[in-house]
Amino acid sequence: MAALAVVYTAFLIFAAGLEFLLLSFVIYAPGTILFIITRRERGRRVFSPAELVLFVVAVVGAVIGVAGLASGLITI
């Protein structure tokens, strides 16, 4: 079931295109602040190695998305 969910999610990302993927990163990257606050309140490690990689990808995508919005390359 999990493999099917991964394939379906990958298809949705492909179907939406790069523009909407970058726009979603613009939303998800700041939302990580809440994740960090929650982890610290519970005394847990903020990021596992895999989560850190995903966080870096999201931040890079968000920066590219904001730059694309600012330059007019991406429109809402």
Protein backbone atom coordinates (compact mmCIF):
# COMPACT_ATOMS: atom_id res chain seq x y z
CA MET A 1 0.00 0.00 0.00
CA ALA A 2 2.83 2.40 0.85
CA ALA A 3 4.53 1.76 -2.49
CA LEU A 4 1.31 2.56 -4.30
CA ALA A 5 1.00 5.80 -2.33
CA VAL A 6 4.57 6.77 -3.23
CA VAL A 7 3.97 6.09 -6.93
CA TYR A 8 0.72 8.07 -6.85
CA THR A 9 2.36 11.00 -5.08
CA ALA A 10 5.25 11.00 -7.54
CA PHE A 11 2.74 11.06 -10.39
CA LEU A 12 0.89 14.00 -8.83
CA ILE A 13 4.11 15.96 -8.48
CA PHE A 14 5.01 15.20 -12.09
CA ALA A 15 1.50 16.11 -13.31
CA ALA A 16 1.42 19.40 -11.40
CA GLY A 17 4.71 20.53 -12.87
CA LEU A 18 7.71 22.37 -11.56
CA GLU A 19 5.87 25.67 -11.07
CA PHE A 20 3.38 24.27 -8.55
CA LEU A 21 6.06 22.20 -6.85
CA LEU A 22 8.09 25.34 -6.21
CA LEU A 23 5.00 27.19 -4.99
CA SER A 24 4.27 24.37 -2.56
CA PHE A 25 7.83 24.62 -1.23
CA VAL A 26 7.20 28.32 -0.55
CA ILE A 27 4.36 27.23 1.75
CA TYR A 28 6.05 24.19 3.33
CA ALA A 29 9.42 25.76 4.18
CA PRO A 30 8.05 28.36 6.64
CA GLY A 31 5.71 25.71 8.07
CA THR A 32 8.79 23.88 9.23
CA ILE A 33 9.12 26.44 12.01
CA LEU A 34 6.13 24.86 13.75
CA PHE A 35 7.71 21.43 13.33
CA ILE A 36 10.92 22.65 14.94
CA ILE A 37 9.08 24.29 17.84
CA THR A 38 7.08 21.12 18.51
CA ARG A 39 10.16 18.89 18.44
CA ARG A 40 12.02 21.14 20.85
CA GLU A 41 9.07 21.31 23.25
CA ARG A 42 9.01 17.52 23.41
CA GLY A 43 12.77 17.35 23.92
CA ARG A 44 13.32 15.34 20.75
CA ARG A 45 15.99 15.72 18.13
CA VAL A 46 14.83 18.37 15.65
CA PHE A 47 15.75 16.54 12.42
CA SER A 48 16.73 13.00 11.63
CA PRO A 49 19.26 12.73 8.77
CA ALA A 50 16.49 12.01 6.24
CA GLU A 51 14.36 14.89 7.54
CA LEU A 52 17.34 17.22 7.30
CA VAL A 53 17.81 16.32 3.64
CA LEU A 54 14.12 16.97 2.96
CA PHE A 55 14.31 20.25 4.83
CA VAL A 56 17.28 21.42 2.76
CA VAL A 57 15.46 20.45 -0.45
CA ALA A 58 12.35 22.35 0.71
CA VAL A 59 14.33 25.46 1.62
CA VAL A 60 16.22 25.46 -1.69
CA GLY A 61 12.93 24.95 -3.54
CA ALA A 62 11.32 27.77 -1.55
CA VAL A 63 14.19 30.14 -2.37
CA ILE A 64 13.91 29.28 -6.06
CA GLY A 65 10.13 29.68 -5.86
CA VAL A 66 10.34 33.10 -4.20
CA ALA A 67 12.97 34.20 -6.73
CA GLY A 68 10.72 32.99 -9.54
CA LEU A 69 7.74 34.86 -8.11
CA ALA A 70 9.80 38.03 -7.66
CA SER A 71 11.18 37.91 -11.19
CA GLY A 72 7.80 37.10 -12.75
CA LEU A 73 8.94 33.71 -14.02
CA ILE A 74 6.28 32.05 -11.88
CA THR A 75 2.79 33.48 -11.64
CA ILE A 76 0.01 32.56 -9.27
